[in-house]
N, C-alpha and C. Protein backbone atom coordinates (compact mmCIF):
# COMPACT_ATOMS: atom_id res chain seq x y z
N MET A 1 -129.71 -84.01 -193.51
CA MET A 1 -130.08 -82.60 -193.35
C MET A 1 -131.32 -82.33 -194.19
N LYS A 2 -132.28 -81.66 -193.58
CA LYS A 2 -133.52 -81.35 -194.29
C LYS A 2 -133.29 -80.31 -195.37
N GLU A 3 -134.07 -80.43 -196.43
CA GLU A 3 -134.01 -79.44 -197.51
C GLU A 3 -134.89 -78.25 -197.12
N LEU A 4 -134.46 -77.08 -197.49
CA LEU A 4 -135.22 -75.87 -197.17
C LEU A 4 -136.20 -75.55 -198.29
N THR A 5 -137.32 -74.94 -197.91
CA THR A 5 -138.24 -74.41 -198.91
C THR A 5 -137.59 -73.18 -199.53
N ARG A 6 -138.16 -72.70 -200.60
CA ARG A 6 -137.62 -71.50 -201.26
C ARG A 6 -137.62 -70.30 -200.30
N ALA A 7 -138.69 -70.13 -199.55
CA ALA A 7 -138.78 -69.01 -198.60
C ALA A 7 -137.76 -69.16 -197.48
N GLU A 8 -137.60 -70.37 -196.97
CA GLU A 8 -136.62 -70.61 -195.91
C GLU A 8 -135.20 -70.36 -196.42
N GLU A 9 -134.94 -70.81 -197.63
CA GLU A 9 -133.62 -70.61 -198.22
C GLU A 9 -133.32 -69.12 -198.41
N GLN A 10 -134.32 -68.37 -198.81
CA GLN A 10 -134.16 -66.92 -198.99
C GLN A 10 -133.78 -66.25 -197.65
N ILE A 11 -134.42 -66.67 -196.58
CA ILE A 11 -134.12 -66.13 -195.25
C ILE A 11 -132.71 -66.55 -194.83
N MET A 12 -132.36 -67.81 -195.07
CA MET A 12 -131.02 -68.29 -194.71
C MET A 12 -129.95 -67.53 -195.47
N MET A 13 -130.16 -67.25 -196.74
CA MET A 13 -129.17 -66.49 -197.52
C MET A 13 -128.89 -65.14 -196.85
N ILE A 14 -129.93 -64.52 -196.36
CA ILE A 14 -129.76 -63.23 -195.68
C ILE A 14 -129.00 -63.41 -194.37
N LEU A 15 -129.38 -64.42 -193.59
CA LEU A 15 -128.69 -64.66 -192.31
C LEU A 15 -127.22 -65.04 -192.53
N TRP A 16 -126.95 -65.83 -193.57
CA TRP A 16 -125.56 -66.18 -193.86
C TRP A 16 -124.75 -64.92 -194.21
N LYS A 17 -125.39 -64.01 -194.90
CA LYS A 17 -124.70 -62.78 -195.29
C LYS A 17 -124.50 -61.84 -194.09
N LEU A 18 -125.52 -61.73 -193.24
CA LEU A 18 -125.47 -60.79 -192.11
C LEU A 18 -124.82 -61.38 -190.84
N ASP A 19 -124.73 -62.68 -190.76
CA ASP A 19 -124.23 -63.41 -189.58
C ASP A 19 -125.25 -63.47 -188.44
N GLU A 20 -125.97 -62.38 -188.20
CA GLU A 20 -127.04 -62.36 -187.21
C GLU A 20 -127.96 -61.19 -187.53
N ALA A 21 -129.24 -61.36 -187.19
CA ALA A 21 -130.19 -60.28 -187.51
C ALA A 21 -131.50 -60.46 -186.77
N PHE A 22 -132.14 -59.31 -186.51
CA PHE A 22 -133.51 -59.30 -186.01
C PHE A 22 -134.43 -59.47 -187.21
N VAL A 23 -135.67 -59.87 -186.97
CA VAL A 23 -136.63 -60.07 -188.06
C VAL A 23 -136.75 -58.80 -188.92
N LYS A 24 -136.78 -57.63 -188.28
CA LYS A 24 -136.89 -56.37 -189.03
C LYS A 24 -135.72 -56.20 -190.01
N GLU A 25 -134.53 -56.59 -189.58
CA GLU A 25 -133.34 -56.48 -190.45
C GLU A 25 -133.41 -57.46 -191.61
N ILE A 26 -133.97 -58.62 -191.36
CA ILE A 26 -134.15 -59.61 -192.44
C ILE A 26 -135.12 -59.05 -193.47
N ILE A 27 -136.22 -58.50 -193.00
CA ILE A 27 -137.23 -57.93 -193.90
C ILE A 27 -136.64 -56.83 -194.77
N GLU A 28 -135.79 -55.99 -194.18
CA GLU A 28 -135.15 -54.91 -194.94
C GLU A 28 -134.36 -55.44 -196.14
N LYS A 29 -133.78 -56.62 -196.01
CA LYS A 29 -132.95 -57.20 -197.08
C LYS A 29 -133.76 -57.98 -198.12
N LEU A 30 -135.03 -58.23 -197.84
CA LEU A 30 -135.88 -58.97 -198.78
C LEU A 30 -136.33 -58.05 -199.91
N PRO A 31 -136.51 -58.62 -201.11
CA PRO A 31 -136.97 -57.80 -202.23
C PRO A 31 -138.43 -57.37 -202.06
N ASN A 32 -138.81 -56.34 -202.77
CA ASN A 32 -140.22 -55.89 -202.78
C ASN A 32 -141.04 -56.82 -203.64
N PRO A 33 -142.28 -57.04 -203.34
CA PRO A 33 -143.00 -56.55 -202.18
C PRO A 33 -142.57 -57.31 -200.92
N LYS A 34 -142.35 -56.58 -199.86
CA LYS A 34 -141.89 -57.16 -198.60
C LYS A 34 -143.00 -57.99 -197.96
N PRO A 35 -142.65 -59.17 -197.46
CA PRO A 35 -143.66 -59.97 -196.75
C PRO A 35 -143.97 -59.34 -195.39
N ALA A 36 -145.06 -59.74 -194.82
CA ALA A 36 -145.45 -59.24 -193.50
C ALA A 36 -144.47 -59.71 -192.43
N TYR A 37 -144.33 -58.91 -191.39
CA TYR A 37 -143.44 -59.23 -190.27
C TYR A 37 -143.74 -60.63 -189.73
N ASN A 38 -145.04 -60.92 -189.52
CA ASN A 38 -145.43 -62.22 -188.95
C ASN A 38 -145.02 -63.38 -189.85
N THR A 39 -145.07 -63.18 -191.16
CA THR A 39 -144.69 -64.22 -192.10
C THR A 39 -143.21 -64.56 -191.94
N VAL A 40 -142.38 -63.53 -191.92
CA VAL A 40 -140.94 -63.74 -191.78
C VAL A 40 -140.62 -64.33 -190.41
N SER A 41 -141.27 -63.84 -189.39
CA SER A 41 -141.07 -64.35 -188.04
C SER A 41 -141.41 -65.84 -187.96
N THR A 42 -142.49 -66.24 -188.60
CA THR A 42 -142.90 -67.64 -188.62
C THR A 42 -141.85 -68.50 -189.34
N ILE A 43 -141.36 -68.03 -190.48
CA ILE A 43 -140.35 -68.77 -191.24
C ILE A 43 -139.08 -68.94 -190.41
N VAL A 44 -138.67 -67.89 -189.72
CA VAL A 44 -137.47 -67.96 -188.88
C VAL A 44 -137.66 -68.96 -187.75
N ARG A 45 -138.83 -68.98 -187.15
CA ARG A 45 -139.09 -69.95 -186.08
C ARG A 45 -139.10 -71.39 -186.62
N ILE A 46 -139.59 -71.57 -187.84
CA ILE A 46 -139.55 -72.90 -188.47
C ILE A 46 -138.08 -73.30 -188.69
N LEU A 47 -137.28 -72.35 -189.16
CA LEU A 47 -135.85 -72.63 -189.35
C LEU A 47 -135.18 -73.01 -188.03
N GLU A 48 -135.63 -72.38 -186.96
CA GLU A 48 -135.09 -72.71 -185.64
C GLU A 48 -135.49 -74.13 -185.24
N LYS A 49 -136.74 -74.51 -185.48
CA LYS A 49 -137.19 -75.87 -185.16
C LYS A 49 -136.45 -76.91 -185.99
N LYS A 50 -136.10 -76.57 -187.22
CA LYS A 50 -135.36 -77.47 -188.10
C LYS A 50 -133.87 -77.54 -187.73
N GLY A 51 -133.43 -76.67 -186.84
CA GLY A 51 -132.04 -76.69 -186.41
C GLY A 51 -131.09 -75.87 -187.27
N PHE A 52 -131.64 -74.99 -188.10
CA PHE A 52 -130.80 -74.16 -188.97
C PHE A 52 -130.38 -72.85 -188.31
N VAL A 53 -131.20 -72.35 -187.40
CA VAL A 53 -130.87 -71.10 -186.72
C VAL A 53 -131.14 -71.22 -185.22
N ALA A 54 -130.55 -70.31 -184.49
CA ALA A 54 -130.81 -70.17 -183.05
C ALA A 54 -130.97 -68.68 -182.79
N HIS A 55 -131.27 -68.33 -181.56
CA HIS A 55 -131.45 -66.91 -181.27
C HIS A 55 -130.86 -66.52 -179.92
N THR A 56 -130.62 -65.23 -179.80
CA THR A 56 -130.27 -64.60 -178.54
C THR A 56 -131.43 -63.69 -178.19
N ALA A 57 -131.95 -63.82 -176.98
CA ALA A 57 -133.10 -63.03 -176.57
C ALA A 57 -132.66 -61.68 -176.00
N PHE A 58 -133.40 -60.64 -176.39
CA PHE A 58 -133.24 -59.29 -175.86
C PHE A 58 -134.62 -58.84 -175.43
N GLY A 59 -135.03 -59.24 -174.24
CA GLY A 59 -136.40 -58.98 -173.81
C GLY A 59 -137.34 -59.81 -174.66
N LYS A 60 -138.28 -59.13 -175.32
CA LYS A 60 -139.22 -59.84 -176.20
C LYS A 60 -138.68 -59.99 -177.62
N SER A 61 -137.59 -59.34 -177.93
CA SER A 61 -136.99 -59.44 -179.27
C SER A 61 -135.97 -60.57 -179.32
N HIS A 62 -135.79 -61.11 -180.50
CA HIS A 62 -134.81 -62.17 -180.71
C HIS A 62 -133.91 -61.81 -181.88
N ARG A 63 -132.61 -61.99 -181.67
CA ARG A 63 -131.66 -61.84 -182.77
C ARG A 63 -131.26 -63.24 -183.19
N TYR A 64 -131.47 -63.54 -184.47
CA TYR A 64 -131.25 -64.89 -184.99
C TYR A 64 -129.88 -64.99 -185.67
N TYR A 65 -129.31 -66.18 -185.60
CA TYR A 65 -128.03 -66.44 -186.25
C TYR A 65 -128.02 -67.89 -186.77
N PRO A 66 -127.29 -68.12 -187.85
CA PRO A 66 -127.27 -69.46 -188.44
C PRO A 66 -126.48 -70.45 -187.59
N LEU A 67 -126.96 -71.67 -187.52
CA LEU A 67 -126.24 -72.77 -186.90
C LEU A 67 -125.57 -73.64 -187.96
N VAL A 68 -126.15 -73.65 -189.15
CA VAL A 68 -125.62 -74.43 -190.27
C VAL A 68 -124.86 -73.48 -191.19
N LYS A 69 -123.63 -73.84 -191.51
CA LYS A 69 -122.83 -73.01 -192.41
C LYS A 69 -123.35 -73.17 -193.84
N LYS A 70 -123.27 -72.08 -194.59
CA LYS A 70 -123.73 -72.09 -195.98
C LYS A 70 -123.01 -73.17 -196.79
N GLU A 71 -121.71 -73.31 -196.57
CA GLU A 71 -120.91 -74.29 -197.32
C GLU A 71 -121.38 -75.72 -197.07
N VAL A 72 -121.77 -76.00 -195.83
CA VAL A 72 -122.24 -77.34 -195.47
C VAL A 72 -123.57 -77.62 -196.17
N TYR A 73 -124.50 -76.67 -196.09
CA TYR A 73 -125.80 -76.83 -196.75
C TYR A 73 -125.63 -76.99 -198.26
N THR A 74 -124.78 -76.15 -198.84
CA THR A 74 -124.54 -76.19 -200.28
C THR A 74 -124.00 -77.55 -200.71
N LYS A 75 -123.02 -78.04 -199.98
CA LYS A 75 -122.39 -79.33 -200.32
C LYS A 75 -123.42 -80.46 -200.32
N VAL A 76 -124.23 -80.51 -199.29
CA VAL A 76 -125.23 -81.58 -199.17
C VAL A 76 -126.26 -81.48 -200.29
N HIS A 77 -126.72 -80.28 -200.58
CA HIS A 77 -127.81 -80.16 -201.55
C HIS A 77 -127.35 -80.14 -203.00
N ILE A 78 -126.12 -79.77 -203.26
CA ILE A 78 -125.60 -79.91 -204.62
C ILE A 78 -125.47 -81.38 -204.95
N LYS A 79 -124.97 -82.15 -203.99
CA LYS A 79 -124.85 -83.60 -204.21
C LYS A 79 -126.22 -84.21 -204.48
N SER A 80 -127.21 -83.80 -203.72
CA SER A 80 -128.58 -84.28 -203.92
C SER A 80 -129.11 -83.87 -205.29
N PHE A 81 -128.84 -82.63 -205.68
CA PHE A 81 -129.26 -82.11 -206.98
C PHE A 81 -128.65 -82.94 -208.11
N VAL A 82 -127.36 -83.20 -208.02
CA VAL A 82 -126.67 -83.99 -209.05
C VAL A 82 -127.23 -85.41 -209.09
N THR A 83 -127.48 -85.98 -207.92
CA THR A 83 -128.03 -87.33 -207.86
C THR A 83 -129.43 -87.39 -208.47
N ASN A 84 -130.28 -86.45 -208.10
CA ASN A 84 -131.67 -86.48 -208.54
C ASN A 84 -131.88 -86.09 -210.00
N TYR A 85 -131.09 -85.15 -210.51
CA TYR A 85 -131.32 -84.64 -211.85
C TYR A 85 -130.33 -85.12 -212.90
N PHE A 86 -129.17 -85.61 -212.47
CA PHE A 86 -128.12 -85.96 -213.42
C PHE A 86 -127.53 -87.35 -213.17
N SER A 87 -128.34 -88.25 -212.64
CA SER A 87 -127.95 -89.64 -212.42
C SER A 87 -126.63 -89.76 -211.66
N ASN A 88 -126.45 -88.90 -210.67
CA ASN A 88 -125.27 -88.90 -209.82
C ASN A 88 -123.97 -88.69 -210.61
N SER A 89 -124.06 -87.92 -211.70
CA SER A 89 -122.90 -87.69 -212.56
C SER A 89 -122.65 -86.20 -212.74
N PHE A 90 -121.51 -85.73 -212.21
CA PHE A 90 -121.13 -84.34 -212.42
C PHE A 90 -120.83 -84.10 -213.89
N GLU A 91 -120.33 -85.13 -214.56
CA GLU A 91 -120.07 -85.03 -216.00
C GLU A 91 -121.36 -84.73 -216.75
N ASN A 92 -122.45 -85.43 -216.42
CA ASN A 92 -123.74 -85.17 -217.05
C ASN A 92 -124.22 -83.75 -216.76
N MET A 93 -123.99 -83.28 -215.54
CA MET A 93 -124.42 -81.94 -215.16
C MET A 93 -123.67 -80.88 -215.97
N VAL A 94 -122.36 -80.98 -216.01
CA VAL A 94 -121.56 -80.00 -216.75
C VAL A 94 -121.90 -80.06 -218.23
N SER A 95 -122.06 -81.26 -218.76
CA SER A 95 -122.43 -81.43 -220.16
C SER A 95 -123.77 -80.76 -220.46
N PHE A 96 -124.73 -80.94 -219.57
CA PHE A 96 -126.05 -80.32 -219.74
C PHE A 96 -125.93 -78.80 -219.84
N PHE A 97 -125.22 -78.20 -218.88
CA PHE A 97 -125.11 -76.74 -218.88
C PHE A 97 -124.31 -76.22 -220.07
N ALA A 98 -123.31 -76.97 -220.48
CA ALA A 98 -122.53 -76.56 -221.65
C ALA A 98 -123.38 -76.63 -222.91
N LYS A 99 -124.14 -77.70 -223.07
CA LYS A 99 -124.98 -77.87 -224.27
C LYS A 99 -126.12 -76.87 -224.30
N GLU A 100 -126.65 -76.53 -223.14
CA GLU A 100 -127.75 -75.57 -223.08
C GLU A 100 -127.25 -74.13 -223.20
N GLN A 101 -125.95 -73.98 -223.35
CA GLN A 101 -125.29 -72.68 -223.48
C GLN A 101 -125.55 -71.79 -222.26
N SER A 102 -125.67 -72.45 -221.13
CA SER A 102 -125.83 -71.72 -219.87
C SER A 102 -124.47 -71.29 -219.33
N ILE A 103 -123.41 -71.84 -219.92
CA ILE A 103 -122.06 -71.52 -219.50
C ILE A 103 -121.35 -70.84 -220.66
N SER A 104 -120.77 -69.68 -220.40
CA SER A 104 -120.04 -68.96 -221.45
C SER A 104 -118.70 -69.64 -221.72
N ILE A 105 -118.09 -69.29 -222.81
CA ILE A 105 -116.77 -69.85 -223.15
C ILE A 105 -115.76 -69.49 -222.06
N ASN A 106 -115.80 -68.25 -221.58
CA ASN A 106 -114.88 -67.85 -220.51
C ASN A 106 -115.08 -68.69 -219.25
N GLU A 107 -116.35 -68.94 -218.90
CA GLU A 107 -116.62 -69.76 -217.72
C GLU A 107 -116.13 -71.19 -217.92
N MET A 108 -116.31 -71.73 -219.13
CA MET A 108 -115.83 -73.09 -219.41
C MET A 108 -114.31 -73.15 -219.30
N GLU A 109 -113.63 -72.12 -219.80
CA GLU A 109 -112.17 -72.09 -219.70
C GLU A 109 -111.73 -72.02 -218.24
N GLU A 110 -112.43 -71.23 -217.43
CA GLU A 110 -112.11 -71.14 -216.00
C GLU A 110 -112.35 -72.47 -215.30
N ILE A 111 -113.45 -73.13 -215.66
CA ILE A 111 -113.75 -74.44 -215.08
C ILE A 111 -112.64 -75.43 -215.43
N MET A 112 -112.20 -75.39 -216.69
CA MET A 112 -111.13 -76.29 -217.13
C MET A 112 -109.84 -76.04 -216.34
N LYS A 113 -109.51 -74.77 -216.10
CA LYS A 113 -108.31 -74.44 -215.32
C LYS A 113 -108.43 -74.99 -213.90
N ILE A 114 -109.60 -74.80 -213.29
CA ILE A 114 -109.83 -75.30 -211.93
C ILE A 114 -109.70 -76.82 -211.91
N MET A 115 -110.29 -77.47 -212.89
CA MET A 115 -110.23 -78.93 -212.95
C MET A 115 -108.80 -79.42 -213.17
N GLU A 116 -108.05 -78.76 -214.03
CA GLU A 116 -106.65 -79.14 -214.25
C GLU A 116 -105.82 -78.99 -212.99
N LYS A 117 -106.05 -77.91 -212.25
CA LYS A 117 -105.36 -77.71 -210.96
C LYS A 117 -105.70 -78.83 -209.99
N GLU A 118 -106.98 -79.17 -209.90
CA GLU A 118 -107.43 -80.20 -208.98
C GLU A 118 -106.87 -81.57 -209.38
N ILE A 119 -106.80 -81.85 -210.67
CA ILE A 119 -106.22 -83.11 -211.15
C ILE A 119 -104.77 -83.22 -210.71
N GLN A 120 -104.01 -82.14 -210.92
CA GLN A 120 -102.60 -82.13 -210.52
C GLN A 120 -102.46 -82.30 -209.01
N LYS A 121 -103.33 -81.64 -208.27
CA LYS A 121 -103.29 -81.72 -206.80
C LYS A 121 -103.56 -83.17 -206.34
N GLN A 122 -104.58 -83.78 -206.93
CA GLN A 122 -104.92 -85.15 -206.53
C GLN A 122 -103.89 -86.18 -206.97
N LYS A 123 -103.20 -85.89 -208.08
CA LYS A 123 -102.14 -86.79 -208.54
C LYS A 123 -100.89 -86.65 -207.67
N GLY A 124 -100.83 -85.52 -206.93
CA GLY A 124 -99.71 -85.30 -206.04
C GLY A 124 -98.52 -84.64 -206.72
N ASP A 125 -98.74 -84.02 -207.85
CA ASP A 125 -97.64 -83.36 -208.57
C ASP A 125 -97.47 -81.94 -208.10
């Protein structure tokens, strides 16, 4: 699966949230300063060529919808992120964020609870 540019990812986040949208509706959800209509339209067409979105035609207008689920894209690219930046080690990634104090104590406790649940689940208990 191809990686998205920052602009493409921003558009996909909106489409994943809305399920389907016209270019005007996508623009409404973008932060200020709003890009030009043609810019967003071009990005959406690129996403369509990449196989991330498709459209339903309404005369000359197109309503776009995602073909790739957010969870699928996230799974593929988180794995790539861990591989490229943390030597394919989730332990290294968590350690990095914990040491950089990017994770609060409450978040670490929640992560530990999730991990303990998953350990028990995988052990079959």
